[in-house]
Amino acid sequence: MNSAPIPFRSRRSRAFTLVELMVSMIIFVLVATAATFLLGASFNTQQFAQSGATTDSQIQFAVQRITENIRAANAVSSTANSITITSPPSTLIGGNTFTINYFLVGNTLVESYVDNAGNSTYSSDVIVTNLTTFSVSTLAANSKAFQIVLTAGVEPSITRTFVAFGRNL
């Protein structure tokens, strides 16, 4: 019979060495740091995209409202940063006309409806926030055409330049 002695294994040989533990900790810290930076970058990108979408939606809404009201208007007057639109008579207010005003209050574009007969304000609503530019000019070639520029947003900043034509002017 071959009776070779079985080698004795100490418990020490089964454990990790301090160097192995330090290397694995450094690798873990590097991976965790990279993951944190990626998560932060994706959050910032999402905030940037959502801010741009909100601003774009507000500006598009303002463009539609202003264009529709100028098209239906009996009279339009403007300054460099406001528009006053007089509507045709409306059955909603007893056949009277009303005035729609678009103007800046701080960094917001406000739309207000005023009954011309009773001089009472029906509504006054903020339609664009964080507005940096609201300019209105009459096109020289056509007194029924108004060029309007809206710029809003902090980052990203969105600009819309459009021309609205009055049909009934």
C-alpha atoms as a PDB file:
ATOM      1  CA  MET A   1       0.000   0.000   0.000  1.00  0.00           C
ATOM      2  CA  ASN A   2       1.131   3.333  -0.870  1.00  0.00           C
ATOM      3  CA  SER A   3       0.661   5.534   2.071  1.00  0.00           C
ATOM      4  CA  ALA A   4       1.823   8.956   1.050  1.00  0.00           C
ATOM      5  CA  PRO A   5       1.097  11.670   3.517  1.00  0.00           C
ATOM      6  CA  ILE A   6      -1.755  14.048   2.610  1.00  0.00           C
ATOM      7  CA  PRO A   7      -0.448  17.576   2.458  1.00  0.00           C
ATOM      8  CA  PHE A   8      -1.796  19.825   5.163  1.00  0.00           C
ATOM      9  CA  ARG A   9      -3.582  22.961   3.882  1.00  0.00           C
ATOM     10  CA  SER A  10      -3.767  25.804   6.219  1.00  0.00           C
ATOM     11  CA  ARG A  11      -6.799  28.042   6.447  1.00  0.00           C
ATOM     12  CA  ARG A  12      -4.638  30.953   5.424  1.00  0.00           C
ATOM     13  CA  SER A  13      -4.215  29.775   1.871  1.00  0.00           C
ATOM     14  CA  ARG A  14      -7.974  29.953   1.273  1.00  0.00           C
ATOM     15  CA  ALA A  15      -8.372  33.665   2.160  1.00  0.00           C
ATOM     16  CA  PHE A  16      -7.781  36.725  -0.052  1.00  0.00           C
ATOM     17  CA  THR A  17      -4.630  38.693   0.468  1.00  0.00           C
ATOM     18  CA  LEU A  18      -4.681  42.374   1.367  1.00  0.00           C
ATOM     19  CA  VAL A  19      -3.385  43.271  -2.091  1.00  0.00           C
ATOM     20  CA  GLU A  20      -6.204  41.362  -3.782  1.00  0.00           C
ATOM     21  CA  LEU A  21      -8.781  43.092  -1.579  1.00  0.00           C
ATOM     22  CA  MET A  22      -7.323  46.539  -2.315  1.00  0.00           C
ATOM     23  CA  VAL A  23      -7.277  45.898  -6.076  1.00  0.00           C
ATOM     24  CA  SER A  24     -10.890  44.722  -6.033  1.00  0.00           C
ATOM     25  CA  MET A  25     -11.928  47.774  -3.960  1.00  0.00           C
ATOM     26  CA  ILE A  26     -10.224  50.137  -6.412  1.00  0.00           C
ATOM     27  CA  ILE A  27     -11.964  48.453  -9.355  1.00  0.00           C
ATOM     28  CA  PHE A  28     -15.319  48.676  -7.550  1.00  0.00           C
ATOM     29  CA  VAL A  29     -14.819  52.392  -6.768  1.00  0.00           C
ATOM     30  CA  LEU A  30     -13.892  53.147 -10.392  1.00  0.00           C
ATOM     31  CA  VAL A  31     -16.968  51.324 -11.720  1.00  0.00           C
ATOM     32  CA  ALA A  32     -19.256  53.025  -9.153  1.00  0.00           C
ATOM     33  CA  THR A  33     -17.825  56.467 -10.002  1.00  0.00           C
ATOM     34  CA  ALA A  34     -18.337  55.916 -13.729  1.00  0.00           C
ATOM     35  CA  ALA A  35     -21.906  54.732 -13.140  1.00  0.00           C
ATOM     36  CA  THR A  36     -22.642  57.819 -11.009  1.00  0.00           C
ATOM     37  CA  PHE A  37     -21.351  60.154 -13.718  1.00  0.00           C
ATOM     38  CA  LEU A  38     -23.402  58.366 -16.393  1.00  0.00           C
ATOM     39  CA  LEU A  39     -26.535  58.536 -14.270  1.00  0.00           C
ATOM     40  CA  GLY A  40     -26.003  62.251 -13.617  1.00  0.00           C
ATOM     41  CA  ALA A  41     -25.394  62.954 -17.304  1.00  0.00           C
ATOM     42  CA  SER A  42     -28.551  61.109 -18.337  1.00  0.00           C
ATOM     43  CA  PHE A  43     -30.580  63.034 -15.749  1.00  0.00           C
ATOM     44  CA  ASN A  44     -29.211  66.367 -17.050  1.00  0.00           C
ATOM     45  CA  THR A  45     -29.980  65.339 -20.633  1.00  0.00           C
ATOM     46  CA  GLN A  46     -33.530  64.420 -19.683  1.00  0.00           C
ATOM     47  CA  GLN A  47     -34.036  67.778 -17.897  1.00  0.00           C
ATOM     48  CA  PHE A  48     -32.608  69.631 -20.914  1.00  0.00           C
ATOM     49  CA  ALA A  49     -34.940  67.821 -23.326  1.00  0.00           C
ATOM     50  CA  GLN A  50     -37.999  68.319 -21.122  1.00  0.00           C
ATOM     51  CA  SER A  51     -37.271  72.031 -20.695  1.00  0.00           C
ATOM     52  CA  GLY A  52     -36.913  72.444 -24.467  1.00  0.00           C
ATOM     53  CA  ALA A  53     -40.144  70.545 -25.125  1.00  0.00           C
ATOM     54  CA  THR A  54     -42.089  72.661 -22.618  1.00  0.00           C
ATOM     55  CA  THR A  55     -40.749  75.904 -24.082  1.00  0.00           C
ATOM     56  CA  ASP A  56     -41.439  74.748 -27.634  1.00  0.00           C
ATOM     57  CA  SER A  57     -44.999  73.791 -26.696  1.00  0.00           C
ATOM     58  CA  GLN A  58     -45.665  77.190 -25.089  1.00  0.00           C
ATOM     59  CA  ILE A  59     -44.278  79.088 -28.078  1.00  0.00           C
ATOM     60  CA  GLN A  60     -46.263  76.973 -30.551  1.00  0.00           C
ATOM     61  CA  PHE A  61     -49.436  77.631 -28.556  1.00  0.00           C
ATOM     62  CA  ALA A  62     -48.731  81.398 -28.574  1.00  0.00           C
ATOM     63  CA  VAL A  63     -48.049  81.383 -32.334  1.00  0.00           C
ATOM     64  CA  GLN A  64     -51.380  79.653 -33.004  1.00  0.00           C
ATOM     65  CA  ARG A  65     -53.372  81.964 -30.703  1.00  0.00           C
ATOM     66  CA  ILE A  66     -51.845  85.179 -32.033  1.00  0.00           C
ATOM     67  CA  THR A  67     -52.192  84.072 -35.677  1.00  0.00           C
ATOM     68  CA  GLU A  68     -55.845  83.031 -35.271  1.00  0.00           C
ATOM     69  CA  ASN A  69     -56.753  86.274 -33.505  1.00  0.00           C
ATOM     70  CA  ILE A  70     -55.009  88.481 -36.091  1.00  0.00           C
ATOM     71  CA  ARG A  71     -56.719  86.599 -38.950  1.00  0.00           C
ATOM     72  CA  ALA A  72     -60.152  87.200 -37.443  1.00  0.00           C
ATOM     73  CA  ALA A  73     -59.491  90.795 -36.326  1.00  0.00           C
ATOM     74  CA  ASN A  74     -61.294  93.950 -37.437  1.00  0.00           C
ATOM     75  CA  ALA A  75     -58.360  96.098 -36.356  1.00  0.00           C
ATOM     76  CA  VAL A  76     -54.814  95.487 -35.170  1.00  0.00           C
ATOM     77  CA  SER A  77     -52.389  97.938 -33.640  1.00  0.00           C
ATOM     78  CA  SER A  78     -48.918  97.179 -32.391  1.00  0.00           C
ATOM     79  CA  THR A  79     -45.936  98.614 -30.623  1.00  0.00           C
ATOM     80  CA  ALA A  80     -42.454  97.138 -30.532  1.00  0.00           C
ATOM     81  CA  ASN A  81     -43.470  94.632 -27.839  1.00  0.00           C
ATOM     82  CA  SER A  82     -47.273  94.471 -27.708  1.00  0.00           C
ATOM     83  CA  ILE A  83     -50.256  93.763 -29.945  1.00  0.00           C
ATOM     84  CA  THR A  84     -53.816  95.026 -29.543  1.00  0.00           C
ATOM     85  CA  ILE A  85     -56.432  93.187 -31.593  1.00  0.00           C
ATOM     86  CA  THR A  86     -60.072  94.241 -31.941  1.00  0.00           C
ATOM     87  CA  SER A  87     -62.388  91.351 -32.657  1.00  0.00           C
ATOM     88  CA  PRO A  88     -65.473  91.323 -34.841  1.00  0.00           C
ATOM     89  CA  PRO A  89     -68.806  91.515 -32.962  1.00  0.00           C
ATOM     90  CA  SER A  90     -69.451  88.388 -30.945  1.00  0.00           C
ATOM     91  CA  THR A  91     -72.758  86.837 -29.935  1.00  0.00           C
ATOM     92  CA  LEU A  92     -71.018  85.559 -26.813  1.00  0.00           C
ATOM     93  CA  ILE A  93     -70.990  89.087 -25.398  1.00  0.00           C
ATOM     94  CA  GLY A  94     -74.252  90.449 -26.800  1.00  0.00           C
ATOM     95  CA  GLY A  95     -72.960  91.468 -30.230  1.00  0.00           C
ATOM     96  CA  ASN A  96     -70.200  93.643 -28.771  1.00  0.00           C
ATOM     97  CA  THR A  97     -66.561  93.626 -29.759  1.00  0.00           C
ATOM     98  CA  PHE A  98     -63.684  92.785 -27.487  1.00  0.00           C
ATOM     99  CA  THR A  99     -60.017  93.598 -27.440  1.00  0.00           C
ATOM    100  CA  ILE A 100     -57.279  91.012 -27.148  1.00  0.00           C
ATOM    101  CA  ASN A 101     -53.976  92.291 -25.829  1.00  0.00           C
ATOM    102  CA  TYR A 102     -50.630  90.497 -25.943  1.00  0.00           C
ATOM    103  CA  PHE A 103     -47.957  92.136 -23.810  1.00  0.00           C
ATOM    104  CA  LEU A 104     -44.971  91.418 -21.596  1.00  0.00           C
ATOM    105  CA  VAL A 105     -45.078  91.361 -17.823  1.00  0.00           C
ATOM    106  CA  GLY A 106     -41.524  90.705 -16.711  1.00  0.00           C
ATOM    107  CA  ASN A 107     -40.446  87.607 -18.635  1.00  0.00           C
ATOM    108  CA  THR A 108     -43.946  86.316 -19.378  1.00  0.00           C
ATOM    109  CA  LEU A 109     -46.236  86.873 -22.349  1.00  0.00           C
ATOM    110  CA  VAL A 110     -49.762  87.683 -21.182  1.00  0.00           C
ATOM    111  CA  GLU A 111     -52.971  87.440 -23.218  1.00  0.00           C
ATOM    112  CA  SER A 112     -55.977  89.418 -21.949  1.00  0.00           C
ATOM    113  CA  TYR A 113     -59.533  89.728 -23.247  1.00  0.00           C
ATOM    114  CA  VAL A 114     -61.438  92.965 -22.557  1.00  0.00           C
ATOM    115  CA  ASP A 115     -65.116  93.614 -23.378  1.00  0.00           C
ATOM    116  CA  ASN A 116     -65.182  96.942 -25.233  1.00  0.00           C
ATOM    117  CA  ALA A 117     -68.765  97.787 -24.191  1.00  0.00           C
ATOM    118  CA  GLY A 118     -68.360  97.244 -20.467  1.00  0.00           C
ATOM    119  CA  ASN A 119     -64.605  97.686 -20.368  1.00  0.00           C
ATOM    120  CA  SER A 120     -64.375  94.573 -18.209  1.00  0.00           C
ATOM    121  CA  THR A 121     -61.606  92.001 -18.440  1.00  0.00           C
ATOM    122  CA  TYR A 122     -62.835  88.482 -19.182  1.00  0.00           C
ATOM    123  CA  SER A 123     -59.520  86.761 -18.742  1.00  0.00           C
ATOM    124  CA  SER A 124     -55.850  87.422 -18.387  1.00  0.00           C
ATOM    125  CA  ASP A 125     -53.617  84.406 -18.912  1.00  0.00           C
ATOM    126  CA  VAL A 126     -49.882  83.761 -19.056  1.00  0.00           C
ATOM    127  CA  ILE A 127     -49.194  81.890 -22.279  1.00  0.00           C
ATOM    128  CA  VAL A 128     -45.357  81.849 -22.420  1.00  0.00           C
ATOM    129  CA  THR A 129     -42.910  81.907 -19.492  1.00  0.00           C
ATOM    130  CA  ASN A 130     -39.176  82.668 -19.552  1.00  0.00           C
ATOM    131  CA  LEU A 131     -39.656  84.922 -22.565  1.00  0.00           C
ATOM    132  CA  THR A 132     -36.556  86.868 -23.570  1.00  0.00           C
ATOM    133  CA  THR A 133     -37.786  88.411 -26.852  1.00  0.00           C
ATOM    134  CA  PHE A 134     -41.245  89.502 -27.982  1.00  0.00           C
ATOM    135  CA  SER A 135     -41.100  91.908 -30.883  1.00  0.00           C
ATOM    136  CA  VAL A 136     -43.803  92.985 -33.302  1.00  0.00           C
ATOM    137  CA  SER A 137     -43.417  94.893 -36.545  1.00  0.00           C
ATOM    138  CA  THR A 138     -45.634  95.651 -39.527  1.00  0.00           C
ATOM    139  CA  LEU A 139     -44.240  94.510 -42.833  1.00  0.00           C
ATOM    140  CA  ALA A 140     -43.586  97.501 -45.076  1.00  0.00           C
ATOM    141  CA  ALA A 141     -44.969  95.822 -48.188  1.00  0.00           C
ATOM    142  CA  ASN A 142     -48.287  94.895 -46.544  1.00  0.00           C
ATOM    143  CA  SER A 143     -49.957  96.780 -43.695  1.00  0.00           C
ATOM    144  CA  LYS A 144     -52.104  93.689 -42.968  1.00  0.00           C
ATOM    145  CA  ALA A 145     -49.034  91.565 -42.202  1.00  0.00           C
ATOM    146  CA  PHE A 146     -47.281  91.481 -38.847  1.00  0.00           C
ATOM    147  CA  GLN A 147     -43.909  89.885 -38.215  1.00  0.00           C
ATOM    148  CA  ILE A 148     -43.635  88.554 -34.691  1.00  0.00           C
ATOM    149  CA  VAL A 149     -40.530  87.149 -32.998  1.00  0.00           C
ATOM    150  CA  LEU A 150     -40.727  85.048 -29.836  1.00  0.00           C
ATOM    151  CA  THR A 151     -37.641  83.753 -28.016  1.00  0.00           C
ATOM    152  CA  ALA A 152     -38.022  81.813 -24.790  1.00  0.00           C
ATOM    153  CA  GLY A 153     -36.164  79.382 -22.605  1.00  0.00           C
ATOM    154  CA  VAL A 154     -32.967  79.421 -20.655  1.00  0.00           C
ATOM    155  CA  GLU A 155     -31.138  76.392 -22.050  1.00  0.00           C
ATOM    156  CA  PRO A 156     -32.135  75.535 -24.698  1.00  0.00           C
ATOM    157  CA  SER A 157     -33.400  78.838 -26.040  1.00  0.00           C
ATOM    158  CA  ILE A 158     -36.051  78.550 -28.765  1.00  0.00           C
ATOM    159  CA  THR A 159     -36.892  81.298 -31.285  1.00  0.00           C
ATOM    160  CA  ARG A 160     -39.903  81.438 -33.598  1.00  0.00           C
ATOM    161  CA  THR A 161     -40.317  84.144 -36.223  1.00  0.00           C
ATOM    162  CA  PHE A 162     -43.630  84.149 -38.028  1.00  0.00           C
ATOM    163  CA  VAL A 163     -45.842  86.407 -40.109  1.00  0.00           C
ATOM    164  CA  ALA A 164     -49.562  86.713 -39.366  1.00  0.00           C
ATOM    165  CA  PHE A 165     -51.936  88.206 -41.955  1.00  0.00           C
ATOM    166  CA  GLY A 166     -55.185  89.941 -41.064  1.00  0.00           C
ATOM    167  CA  ARG A 167     -58.042  88.955 -43.387  1.00  0.00           C
ATOM    168  CA  ASN A 168     -60.556  91.587 -42.310  1.00  0.00           C
ATOM    169  CA  LEU A 169     -58.256  94.603 -41.896  1.00  0.00           C
END
